[in-house]
Amino acid sequence: GTPTTGDNCAVASTTNDAPGVFPIGDTTVTWTVTDSSGNTATCTQTVTVTDNIDPTISCPATVNVNVDAGLCTASSVALGTPTTGDNCAVASTTNDAPGVFPIGDTTV
């Protein structure tokens, strides 16, 4: 935007310290107006940038395993790694896999 400025003589310039690229979060921009006599006044403006784009995830392929020897469960299951992406950065990837898988299908 543009600030509203005025002076009893004449406004010589209006400047700001805005960055070329705004990071996520709040950035304070300071506007400065200078009159023809060199007097200045300032005001501040807050620019808030929010990441509103969801990350993406593609699950690894289905896994088929046999039960552990002498048991009706499987404990050593290599799940694989999902493919993830985000416009900013992926902070973490988690799953709800049990420590021991029973016979049958388990959705992770």
PDB file of N, CA and C in Angstrom:
ATOM      1  N   GLY A   1       0.817  -1.184   0.000  1.00  0.00           N
ATOM      2  CA  GLY A   1       0.000   0.000   0.000  1.00  0.00           C
ATOM      3  C   GLY A   1       0.854   1.238   0.000  1.00  0.00           C
ATOM      4  N   THR A   2       0.191   2.353   0.030  1.00  0.00           N
ATOM      5  CA  THR A   2       0.868   3.646   0.054  1.00  0.00           C
ATOM      6  C   THR A   2       0.336   4.458   1.225  1.00  0.00           C
ATOM      7  N   PRO A   3       1.230   5.029   2.045  1.00  0.00           N
ATOM      8  CA  PRO A   3       0.759   5.821   3.172  1.00  0.00           C
ATOM      9  C   PRO A   3       0.198   7.167   2.704  1.00  0.00           C
ATOM     10  N   THR A   4      -0.625   7.773   3.549  1.00  0.00           N
ATOM     11  CA  THR A   4      -1.112   9.125   3.293  1.00  0.00           C
ATOM     12  C   THR A   4      -0.140  10.095   3.954  1.00  0.00           C
ATOM     13  N   THR A   5       0.388  11.042   3.184  1.00  0.00           N
ATOM     14  CA  THR A   5       1.365  11.995   3.705  1.00  0.00           C
ATOM     15  C   THR A   5       0.886  13.414   3.450  1.00  0.00           C
ATOM     16  N   GLY A   6       1.464  14.340   4.161  1.00  0.00           N
ATOM     17  CA  GLY A   6       1.140  15.745   3.960  1.00  0.00           C
ATOM     18  C   GLY A   6       2.143  16.618   4.689  1.00  0.00           C
ATOM     19  N   ASP A   7       2.219  17.869   4.289  1.00  0.00           N
ATOM     20  CA  ASP A   7       3.115  18.828   4.924  1.00  0.00           C
ATOM     21  C   ASP A   7       2.617  20.225   4.591  1.00  0.00           C
ATOM     22  N   ASN A   8       2.937  21.186   5.475  1.00  0.00           N
ATOM     23  CA  ASN A   8       2.512  22.568   5.214  1.00  0.00           C
ATOM     24  C   ASN A   8       3.292  23.203   4.072  1.00  0.00           C
ATOM     25  N   CYS A   9       4.465  22.686   3.753  1.00  0.00           N
ATOM     26  CA  CYS A   9       5.235  23.206   2.616  1.00  0.00           C
ATOM     27  C   CYS A   9       5.151  22.225   1.443  1.00  0.00           C
ATOM     28  N   ALA A  10       5.991  21.195   1.494  1.00  0.00           N
ATOM     29  CA  ALA A  10       5.975  20.192   0.420  1.00  0.00           C
ATOM     30  C   ALA A  10       6.617  18.907   0.901  1.00  0.00           C
ATOM     31  N   VAL A  11       6.083  17.784   0.459  1.00  0.00           N
ATOM     32  CA  VAL A  11       6.672  16.489   0.749  1.00  0.00           C
ATOM     33  C   VAL A  11       7.751  16.227  -0.291  1.00  0.00           C
ATOM     34  N   ALA A  12       8.973  15.982   0.186  1.00  0.00           N
ATOM     35  CA  ALA A  12      10.086  15.746  -0.727  1.00  0.00           C
ATOM     36  C   ALA A  12      10.195  14.265  -1.101  1.00  0.00           C
ATOM     37  N   SER A  13       9.954  13.370  -0.117  1.00  0.00           N
ATOM     38  CA  SER A  13      10.072  11.938  -0.420  1.00  0.00           C
ATOM     39  C   SER A  13       9.310  11.114   0.596  1.00  0.00           C
ATOM     40  N   THR A  14       8.954   9.918   0.167  1.00  0.00           N
ATOM     41  CA  THR A  14       8.353   8.909   1.044  1.00  0.00           C
ATOM     42  C   THR A  14       9.078   7.611   0.762  1.00  0.00           C
ATOM     43  N   THR A  15       9.652   7.020   1.816  1.00  0.00           N
ATOM     44  CA  THR A  15      10.420   5.786   1.658  1.00  0.00           C
ATOM     45  C   THR A  15       9.965   4.750   2.685  1.00  0.00           C
ATOM     46  N   ASN A  16      10.376   3.498   2.477  1.00  0.00           N
ATOM     47  CA  ASN A  16      10.129   2.448   3.465  1.00  0.00           C
ATOM     48  C   ASN A  16      11.298   1.481   3.470  1.00  0.00           C
ATOM     49  N   ASP A  17      11.356   0.663   4.505  1.00  0.00           N
ATOM     50  CA  ASP A  17      12.440  -0.317   4.636  1.00  0.00           C
ATOM     51  C   ASP A  17      11.951  -1.746   4.390  1.00  0.00           C
ATOM     52  N   ALA A  18      10.933  -1.904   3.561  1.00  0.00           N
ATOM     53  CA  ALA A  18      10.369  -3.230   3.274  1.00  0.00           C
ATOM     54  C   ALA A  18      11.406  -4.111   2.582  1.00  0.00           C
ATOM     55  N   PRO A  19      11.461  -5.394   2.972  1.00  0.00           N
ATOM     56  CA  PRO A  19      12.383  -6.304   2.280  1.00  0.00           C
ATOM     57  C   PRO A  19      11.850  -6.640   0.891  1.00  0.00           C
ATOM     58  N   GLY A  20      12.705  -7.139   0.041  1.00  0.00           N
ATOM     59  CA  GLY A  20      12.274  -7.560  -1.291  1.00  0.00           C
ATOM     60  C   GLY A  20      11.379  -8.776  -1.247  1.00  0.00           C
ATOM     61  N   VAL A  21      11.605  -9.642  -0.266  1.00  0.00           N
ATOM     62  CA  VAL A  21      10.817 -10.857  -0.062  1.00  0.00           C
ATOM     63  C   VAL A  21      10.449 -10.919   1.412  1.00  0.00           C
ATOM     64  N   PHE A  22       9.168 -11.172   1.701  1.00  0.00           N
ATOM     65  CA  PHE A  22       8.706 -11.238   3.077  1.00  0.00           C
ATOM     66  C   PHE A  22       8.715 -12.689   3.565  1.00  0.00           C
ATOM     67  N   PRO A  23       9.342 -12.971   4.727  1.00  0.00           N
ATOM     68  CA  PRO A  23       9.346 -14.328   5.275  1.00  0.00           C
ATOM     69  C   PRO A  23       8.008 -14.635   5.958  1.00  0.00           C
ATOM     70  N   ILE A  24       7.793 -15.912   6.294  1.00  0.00           N
ATOM     71  CA  ILE A  24       6.599 -16.288   7.047  1.00  0.00           C
ATOM     72  C   ILE A  24       6.646 -15.603   8.411  1.00  0.00           C
ATOM     73  N   GLY A  25       5.504 -15.123   8.843  1.00  0.00           N
ATOM     74  CA  GLY A  25       5.407 -14.437  10.135  1.00  0.00           C
ATOM     75  C   GLY A  25       5.170 -12.954   9.943  1.00  0.00           C
ATOM     76  N   ASP A  26       5.428 -12.208  11.016  1.00  0.00           N
ATOM     77  CA  ASP A  26       5.212 -10.763  10.992  1.00  0.00           C
ATOM     78  C   ASP A  26       6.498 -10.018  10.644  1.00  0.00           C
ATOM     79  N   THR A  27       6.384  -9.045   9.757  1.00  0.00           N
ATOM     80  CA  THR A  27       7.485  -8.144   9.419  1.00  0.00           C
ATOM     81  C   THR A  27       6.986  -6.726   9.616  1.00  0.00           C
ATOM     82  N   THR A  28       7.735  -5.923  10.361  1.00  0.00           N
ATOM     83  CA  THR A  28       7.382  -4.517  10.562  1.00  0.00           C
ATOM     84  C   THR A  28       8.091  -3.676   9.513  1.00  0.00           C
ATOM     85  N   VAL A  29       7.311  -2.908   8.789  1.00  0.00           N
ATOM     86  CA  VAL A  29       7.843  -1.999   7.776  1.00  0.00           C
ATOM     87  C   VAL A  29       7.727  -0.582   8.327  1.00  0.00           C
ATOM     88  N   THR A  30       8.820   0.159   8.282  1.00  0.00           N
ATOM     89  CA  THR A  30       8.818   1.553   8.733  1.00  0.00           C
ATOM     90  C   THR A  30       8.789   2.465   7.513  1.00  0.00           C
ATOM     91  N   TRP A  31       7.773   3.327   7.484  1.00  0.00           N
ATOM     92  CA  TRP A  31       7.636   4.333   6.435  1.00  0.00           C
ATOM     93  C   TRP A  31       8.192   5.652   6.955  1.00  0.00           C
ATOM     94  N   THR A  32       8.909   6.380   6.103  1.00  0.00           N
ATOM     95  CA  THR A  32       9.463   7.688   6.472  1.00  0.00           C
ATOM     96  C   THR A  32       9.087   8.703   5.405  1.00  0.00           C
ATOM     97  N   VAL A  33       8.501   9.806   5.859  1.00  0.00           N
ATOM     98  CA  VAL A  33       8.201  10.912   4.949  1.00  0.00           C
ATOM     99  C   VAL A  33       9.141  12.068   5.308  1.00  0.00           C
ATOM    100  N   THR A  34       9.698  12.710   4.291  1.00  0.00           N
ATOM    101  CA  THR A  34      10.618  13.832   4.479  1.00  0.00           C
ATOM    102  C   THR A  34      10.069  15.025   3.719  1.00  0.00           C
ATOM    103  N   ASP A  35      10.031  16.190   4.398  1.00  0.00           N
ATOM    104  CA  ASP A  35       9.543  17.386   3.715  1.00  0.00           C
ATOM    105  C   ASP A  35      10.694  18.152   3.074  1.00  0.00           C
ATOM    106  N   SER A  36      10.373  19.214   2.380  1.00  0.00           N
ATOM    107  CA  SER A  36      11.381  19.989   1.645  1.00  0.00           C
ATOM    108  C   SER A  36      12.380  20.686   2.567  1.00  0.00           C
ATOM    109  N   SER A  37      12.076  20.757   3.867  1.00  0.00           N
ATOM    110  CA  SER A  37      13.013  21.362   4.834  1.00  0.00           C
ATOM    111  C   SER A  37      13.871  20.310   5.530  1.00  0.00           C
ATOM    112  N   GLY A  38      13.674  19.041   5.210  1.00  0.00           N
ATOM    113  CA  GLY A  38      14.466  17.978   5.819  1.00  0.00           C
ATOM    114  C   GLY A  38      13.847  17.390   7.080  1.00  0.00           C
ATOM    115  N   ASN A  39      12.660  17.843   7.463  1.00  0.00           N
ATOM    116  CA  ASN A  39      11.969  17.280   8.621  1.00  0.00           C
ATOM    117  C   ASN A  39      11.386  15.915   8.234  1.00  0.00           C
ATOM    118  N   THR A  40      11.340  15.005   9.217  1.00  0.00           N
ATOM    119  CA  THR A  40      10.831  13.669   8.927  1.00  0.00           C
ATOM    120  C   THR A  40       9.755  13.247   9.924  1.00  0.00           C
ATOM    121  N   ALA A  41       8.942  12.323   9.501  1.00  0.00           N
ATOM    122  CA  ALA A  41       7.970  11.650  10.357  1.00  0.00           C
ATOM    123  C   ALA A  41       7.931  10.192   9.915  1.00  0.00           C
ATOM    124  N   THR A  42       7.626   9.298  10.863  1.00  0.00           N
ATOM    125  CA  THR A  42       7.579   7.875  10.533  1.00  0.00           C
ATOM    126  C   THR A  42       6.294   7.245  11.047  1.00  0.00           C
ATOM    127  N   CYS A  43       5.959   6.134  10.443  1.00  0.00           N
ATOM    128  CA  CYS A  43       4.883   5.279  10.934  1.00  0.00           C
ATOM    129  C   CYS A  43       5.262   3.850  10.597  1.00  0.00           C
ATOM    130  N   THR A  44       4.634   2.889  11.291  1.00  0.00           N
ATOM    131  CA  THR A  44       4.959   1.487  11.037  1.00  0.00           C
ATOM    132  C   THR A  44       3.736   0.743  10.538  1.00  0.00           C
ATOM    133  N   GLN A  45       4.010  -0.273   9.768  1.00  0.00           N
ATOM    134  CA  GLN A  45       2.991  -1.133   9.181  1.00  0.00           C
ATOM    135  C   GLN A  45       3.439  -2.579   9.408  1.00  0.00           C
ATOM    136  N   THR A  46       2.516  -3.450   9.803  1.00  0.00           N
ATOM    137  CA  THR A  46       2.838  -4.853   9.985  1.00  0.00           C
ATOM    138  C   THR A  46       2.326  -5.650   8.789  1.00  0.00           C
ATOM    139  N   VAL A  47       3.202  -6.465   8.215  1.00  0.00           N
ATOM    140  CA  VAL A  47       2.839  -7.370   7.129  1.00  0.00           C
ATOM    141  C   VAL A  47       2.938  -8.782   7.686  1.00  0.00           C
ATOM    142  N   THR A  48       1.840  -9.540   7.637  1.00  0.00           N
ATOM    143  CA  THR A  48       1.807 -10.909   8.146  1.00  0.00           C
ATOM    144  C   THR A  48       1.688 -11.881   6.978  1.00  0.00           C
ATOM    145  N   VAL A  49       2.657 -12.785   6.874  1.00  0.00           N
ATOM    146  CA  VAL A  49       2.657 -13.801   5.829  1.00  0.00           C
ATOM    147  C   VAL A  49       2.333 -15.141   6.488  1.00  0.00           C
ATOM    148  N   THR A  50       1.335 -15.839   5.945  1.00  0.00           N
ATOM    149  CA  THR A  50       0.884 -17.116   6.482  1.00  0.00           C
ATOM    150  C   THR A  50       1.040 -18.204   5.422  1.00  0.00           C
ATOM    151  N   ASP A  51       1.600 -19.339   5.825  1.00  0.00           N
ATOM    152  CA  ASP A  51       1.681 -20.493   4.927  1.00  0.00           C
ATOM    153  C   ASP A  51       0.337 -21.212   5.001  1.00  0.00           C
ATOM    154  N   ASN A  52      -0.479 -21.085   3.973  1.00  0.00           N
ATOM    155  CA  ASN A  52      -1.800 -21.719   3.940  1.00  0.00           C
ATOM    156  C   ASN A  52      -1.861 -22.859   2.921  1.00  0.00           C
ATOM    157  N   ILE A  53      -0.705 -23.374   2.529  1.00  0.00           N
ATOM    158  CA  ILE A  53      -0.645 -24.460   1.555  1.00  0.00           C
ATOM    159  C   ILE A  53      -0.281 -25.748   2.301  1.00  0.00           C
ATOM    160  N   ASP A  54      -1.147 -26.766   2.208  1.00  0.00           N
ATOM    161  CA  ASP A  54      -0.907 -28.045   2.881  1.00  0.00           C
ATOM    162  C   ASP A  54       0.277 -28.775   2.257  1.00  0.00           C
ATOM    163  N   PRO A  55       1.006 -29.546   3.087  1.00  0.00           N
ATOM    164  CA  PRO A  55       2.070 -30.381   2.520  1.00  0.00           C
ATOM    165  C   PRO A  55       1.462 -31.537   1.728  1.00  0.00           C
ATOM    166  N   THR A  56       2.307 -32.228   0.974  1.00  0.00           N
ATOM    167  CA  THR A  56       1.861 -33.397   0.207  1.00  0.00           C
ATOM    168  C   THR A  56       2.539 -34.651   0.758  1.00  0.00           C
ATOM    169  N   ILE A  57       1.863 -35.795   0.583  1.00  0.00           N
ATOM    170  CA  ILE A  57       2.442 -37.063   1.007  1.00  0.00           C
ATOM    171  C   ILE A  57       1.915 -38.174   0.110  1.00  0.00           C
ATOM    172  N   SER A  58       2.816 -39.061  -0.292  1.00  0.00           N
ATOM    173  CA  SER A  58       2.470 -40.273  -1.039  1.00  0.00           C
ATOM    174  C   SER A  58       3.030 -41.444  -0.248  1.00  0.00           C
ATOM    175  N   CYS A  59       2.153 -42.371   0.128  1.00  0.00           N
ATOM    176  CA  CYS A  59       2.563 -43.506   0.961  1.00  0.00           C
ATOM    177  C   CYS A  59       3.391 -44.513   0.178  1.00  0.00           C
ATOM    178  N   PRO A  60       4.256 -45.227   0.903  1.00  0.00           N
ATOM    179  CA  PRO A  60       4.988 -46.305   0.246  1.00  0.00           C
ATOM    180  C   PRO A  60       4.041 -47.435  -0.148  1.00  0.00           C
ATOM    181  N   ALA A  61       4.536 -48.373  -0.915  1.00  0.00           N
ATOM    182  CA  ALA A  61       3.727 -49.494  -1.420  1.00  0.00           C
ATOM    183  C   ALA A  61       3.277 -50.405  -0.279  1.00  0.00           C
ATOM    184  N   THR A  62       2.252 -51.196  -0.556  1.00  0.00           N
ATOM    185  CA  THR A  62       1.762 -52.194   0.387  1.00  0.00           C
ATOM    186  C   THR A  62       2.887 -53.167   0.742  1.00  0.00           C
ATOM    187  N   VAL A  63       2.928 -53.573   2.020  1.00  0.00           N
ATOM    188  CA  VAL A  63       3.965 -54.492   2.497  1.00  0.00           C
ATOM    189  C   VAL A  63       3.306 -55.811   2.893  1.00  0.00           C
ATOM    190  N   ASN A  64       3.872 -56.909   2.449  1.00  0.00           N
ATOM    191  CA  ASN A  64       3.423 -58.244   2.846  1.00  0.00           C
ATOM    192  C   ASN A  64       4.563 -58.922   3.582  1.00  0.00           C
ATOM    193  N   VAL A  65       4.303 -59.387   4.796  1.00  0.00           N
ATOM    194  CA  VAL A  65       5.333 -60.059   5.589  1.00  0.00           C
ATOM    195  C   VAL A  65       4.763 -61.342   6.191  1.00  0.00           C
ATOM    196  N   ASN A  66       5.645 -62.262   6.556  1.00  0.00           N
ATOM    197  CA  ASN A  66       5.256 -63.487   7.248  1.00  0.00           C
ATOM    198  C   ASN A  66       5.358 -63.265   8.756  1.00  0.00           C
ATOM    199  N   VAL A  67       4.638 -64.073   9.518  1.00  0.00           N
ATOM    200  CA  VAL A  67       4.711 -63.976  10.979  1.00  0.00           C
ATOM    201  C   VAL A  67       6.113 -64.346  11.445  1.00  0.00           C
ATOM    202  N   ASP A  68       6.469 -63.858  12.644  1.00  0.00           N
ATOM    203  CA  ASP A  68       7.753 -64.212  13.247  1.00  0.00           C
ATOM    204  C   ASP A  68       7.716 -65.690  13.657  1.00  0.00           C
ATOM    205  N   ALA A  69       8.853 -66.330  13.678  1.00  0.00           N
ATOM    206  CA  ALA A  69       8.945 -67.760  14.019  1.00  0.00           C
ATOM    207  C   ALA A  69       8.325 -68.034  15.384  1.00  0.00           C
ATOM    208  N   GLY A  70       7.395 -68.959  15.442  1.00  0.00           N
ATOM    209  CA  GLY A  70       6.764 -69.369  16.685  1.00  0.00           C
ATOM    210  C   GLY A  70       5.706 -68.413  17.200  1.00  0.00           C
ATOM    211  N   LEU A  71       5.371 -67.366  16.436  1.00  0.00           N
ATOM    212  CA  LEU A  71       4.386 -66.364  16.870  1.00  0.00           C
ATOM    213  C   LEU A  71       3.301 -66.194  15.814  1.00  0.00           C
ATOM    214  N   CYS A  72       2.244 -65.547  16.194  1.00  0.00           N
ATOM    215  CA  CYS A  72       1.182 -65.196  15.236  1.00  0.00           C
ATOM    216  C   CYS A  72       1.192 -63.695  14.963  1.00  0.00           C
ATOM    217  N   THR A  73       2.346 -63.087  15.056  1.00  0.00           N
ATOM    218  CA  THR A  73       2.522 -61.646  14.815  1.00  0.00           C
ATOM    219  C   THR A  73       3.828 -61.426  14.065  1.00  0.00           C
ATOM    220  N   ALA A  74       3.999 -60.229  13.555  1.00  0.00           N
ATOM    221  CA  ALA A  74       5.247 -59.819  12.898  1.00  0.00           C
ATOM    222  C   ALA A  74       5.741 -58.548  13.574  1.00  0.00           C
ATOM    223  N   SER A  75       7.003 -58.550  13.965  1.00  0.00           N
ATOM    224  CA  SER A  75       7.537 -57.370  14.643  1.00  0.00           C
ATOM    225  C   SER A  75       8.596 -56.635  13.828  1.00  0.00           C
ATOM    226  N   SER A  76       9.226 -57.278  12.900  1.00  0.00           N
ATOM    227  CA  SER A  76      10.258 -56.636  12.074  1.00  0.00           C
ATOM    228  C   SER A  76       9.664 -56.303  10.706  1.00  0.00           C
ATOM    229  N   VAL A  77       8.938 -55.216  10.642  1.00  0.00           N
ATOM    230  CA  VAL A  77       8.270 -54.822   9.398  1.00  0.00           C
ATOM    231  C   VAL A  77       8.917 -53.545   8.868  1.00  0.00           C
ATOM    232  N   ALA A  78       9.481 -53.606   7.679  1.00  0.00           N
ATOM    233  CA  ALA A  78      10.071 -52.427   7.030  1.00  0.00           C
ATOM    234  C   ALA A  78       8.954 -51.726   6.250  1.00  0.00           C
ATOM    235  N   LEU A  79       8.472 -50.630   6.784  1.00  0.00           N
ATOM    236  CA  LEU A  79       7.342 -49.920   6.182  1.00  0.00           C
ATOM    237  C   LEU A  79       7.704 -49.159   4.912  1.00  0.00           C
ATOM    238  N   GLY A  80       8.952 -48.798   4.769  1.00  0.00           N
ATOM    239  CA  GLY A  80       9.328 -47.923   3.661  1.00  0.00           C
ATOM    240  C   GLY A  80       9.205 -46.472   4.106  1.00  0.00           C
ATOM    241  N   THR A  81       9.429 -45.572   3.195  1.00  0.00           N
ATOM    242  CA  THR A  81       9.400 -44.140   3.508  1.00  0.00           C
ATOM    243  C   THR A  81       8.462 -43.434   2.545  1.00  0.00           C
ATOM    244  N   PRO A  82       7.528 -42.639   3.071  1.00  0.00           N
ATOM    245  CA  PRO A  82       6.650 -41.898   2.164  1.00  0.00           C
ATOM    246  C   PRO A  82       7.406 -40.772   1.459  1.00  0.00           C
ATOM    247  N   THR A  83       6.876 -40.344   0.351  1.00  0.00           N
ATOM    248  CA  THR A  83       7.413 -39.181  -0.359  1.00  0.00           C
ATOM    249  C   THR A  83       6.626 -37.972   0.112  1.00  0.00           C
ATOM    250  N   THR A  84       7.325 -36.963   0.603  1.00  0.00           N
ATOM    251  CA  THR A  84       6.668 -35.770   1.124  1.00  0.00           C
ATOM    252  C   THR A  84       7.184 -34.522   0.424  1.00  0.00           C
ATOM    253  N   GLY A  85       6.411 -33.463   0.514  1.00  0.00           N
ATOM    254  CA  GLY A  85       6.831 -32.194  -0.073  1.00  0.00           C
ATOM    255  C   GLY A  85       6.043 -31.050   0.537  1.00  0.00           C
ATOM    256  N   ASP A  86       6.589 -29.863   0.419  1.00  0.00           N
ATOM    257  CA  ASP A  86       5.924 -28.661   0.913  1.00  0.00           C
ATOM    258  C   ASP A  86       6.552 -27.447   0.254  1.00  0.00           C
ATOM    259  N   ASN A  87       5.769 -26.382   0.134  1.00  0.00           N
ATOM    260  CA  ASN A  87       6.285 -25.147  -0.457  1.00  0.00           C
ATOM    261  C   ASN A  87       7.311 -24.471   0.448  1.00  0.00           C
ATOM    262  N   CYS A  88       7.259 -24.755   1.742  1.00  0.00           N
ATOM    263  CA  CYS A  88       8.235 -24.179   2.686  1.00  0.00           C
ATOM    264  C   CYS A  88       9.221 -25.257   3.118  1.00  0.00           C
ATOM    265  N   ALA A  89       8.827 -26.099   4.056  1.00  0.00           N
ATOM    266  CA  ALA A  89       9.674 -27.203   4.512  1.00  0.00           C
ATOM    267  C   ALA A  89       8.816 -28.199   5.263  1.00  0.00           C
ATOM    268  N   VAL A  90       9.157 -29.466   5.159  1.00  0.00           N
ATOM    269  CA  VAL A  90       8.468 -30.512   5.920  1.00  0.00           C
ATOM    270  C   VAL A  90       9.135 -30.568   7.295  1.00  0.00           C
ATOM    271  N   ALA A  91       8.359 -30.329   8.359  1.00  0.00           N
ATOM    272  CA  ALA A  91       8.904 -30.332   9.713  1.00  0.00           C
ATOM    273  C   ALA A  91       9.042 -31.743  10.266  1.00  0.00           C
ATOM    274  N   SER A  92       8.088 -32.610   9.979  1.00  0.00           N
ATOM    275  CA  SER A  92       8.172 -33.978  10.480  1.00  0.00           C
ATOM    276  C   SER A  92       7.227 -34.870   9.688  1.00  0.00           C
ATOM    277  N   THR A  93       7.520 -36.160   9.732  1.00  0.00           N
ATOM    278  CA  THR A  93       6.661 -37.181   9.139  1.00  0.00           C
ATOM    279  C   THR A  93       6.517 -38.280  10.183  1.00  0.00           C
ATOM    280  N   THR A  94       5.282 -38.603  10.545  1.00  0.00           N
ATOM    281  CA  THR A  94       5.036 -39.623  11.558  1.00  0.00           C
ATOM    282  C   THR A  94       4.055 -40.654  11.036  1.00  0.00           C
ATOM    283  N   ASN A  95       3.962 -41.773  11.757  1.00  0.00           N
ATOM    284  CA  ASN A  95       2.955 -42.779  11.423  1.00  0.00           C
ATOM    285  C   ASN A  95       2.406 -43.380  12.714  1.00  0.00           C
ATOM    286  N   ASP A  96       1.333 -44.128  12.591  1.00  0.00           N
ATOM    287  CA  ASP A  96       0.698 -44.747  13.749  1.00  0.00           C
ATOM    288  C   ASP A  96       0.872 -46.260  13.754  1.00  0.00           C
ATOM    289  N   ALA A  97       1.984 -46.746  13.212  1.00  0.00           N
ATOM    290  CA  ALA A  97       2.229 -48.186  13.124  1.00  0.00           C
ATOM    291  C   ALA A  97       2.378 -48.780  14.516  1.00  0.00           C
ATOM    292  N   PRO A  98       1.775 -49.952  14.736  1.00  0.00           N
ATOM    293  CA  PRO A  98       1.968 -50.619  16.034  1.00  0.00           C
ATOM    294  C   PRO A  98       3.372 -51.222  16.113  1.00  0.00           C
ATOM    295  N   GLY A  99       3.816 -51.536  17.311  1.00  0.00           N
ATOM    296  CA  GLY A  99       5.123 -52.171  17.483  1.00  0.00           C
ATOM    297  C   GLY A  99       5.116 -53.606  16.987  1.00  0.00           C
ATOM    298  N   VAL A 100       3.941 -54.242  17.077  1.00  0.00           N
ATOM    299  CA  VAL A 100       3.770 -55.622  16.628  1.00  0.00           C
ATOM    300  C   VAL A 100       2.526 -55.682  15.759  1.00  0.00           C
ATOM    301  N   PHE A 101       2.664 -56.302  14.589  1.00  0.00           N
ATOM    302  CA  PHE A 101       1.546 -56.407  13.643  1.00  0.00           C
ATOM    303  C   PHE A 101       0.842 -57.755  13.809  1.00  0.00           C
ATOM    304  N   PRO A 102      -0.492 -57.753  13.965  1.00  0.00           N
ATOM    305  CA  PRO A 102      -1.219 -59.027  14.058  1.00  0.00           C
ATOM    306  C   PRO A 102      -1.414 -59.613  12.659  1.00  0.00           C
ATOM    307  N   ILE A 103      -1.905 -60.844  12.606  1.00  0.00           N
ATOM    308  CA  ILE A 103      -2.242 -61.477  11.324  1.00  0.00           C
ATOM    309  C   ILE A 103      -3.367 -60.677  10.679  1.00  0.00           C
ATOM    310  N   GLY A 104      -3.283 -60.473   9.393  1.00  0.00           N
ATOM    311  CA  GLY A 104      -4.305 -59.731   8.666  1.00  0.00           C
ATOM    312  C   GLY A 104      -3.806 -58.369   8.230  1.00  0.00           C
ATOM    313  N   ASP A 105      -4.723 -57.554   7.782  1.00  0.00           N
ATOM    314  CA  ASP A 105      -4.380 -56.222   7.287  1.00  0.00           C
ATOM    315  C   ASP A 105      -4.337 -55.216   8.428  1.00  0.00           C
ATOM    316  N   THR A 106      -3.309 -54.387   8.434  1.00  0.00           N
ATOM    317  CA  THR A 106      -3.202 -53.275   9.380  1.00  0.00           C
ATOM    318  C   THR A 106      -2.980 -52.021   8.541  1.00  0.00           C
ATOM    319  N   THR A 107      -3.839 -51.046   8.707  1.00  0.00           N
ATOM    320  CA  THR A 107      -3.689 -49.785   7.990  1.00  0.00           C
ATOM    321  C   THR A 107      -2.812 -48.852   8.819  1.00  0.00           C
ATOM    322  N   VAL A 108      -1.754 -48.340   8.182  1.00  0.00           N
ATOM    323  CA  VAL A 108      -0.837 -47.395   8.837  1.00  0.00           C
ATOM    324  C   VAL A 108      -1.071 -46.052   8.199  1.00  0.00           C
TER     325      VAL A 108
END
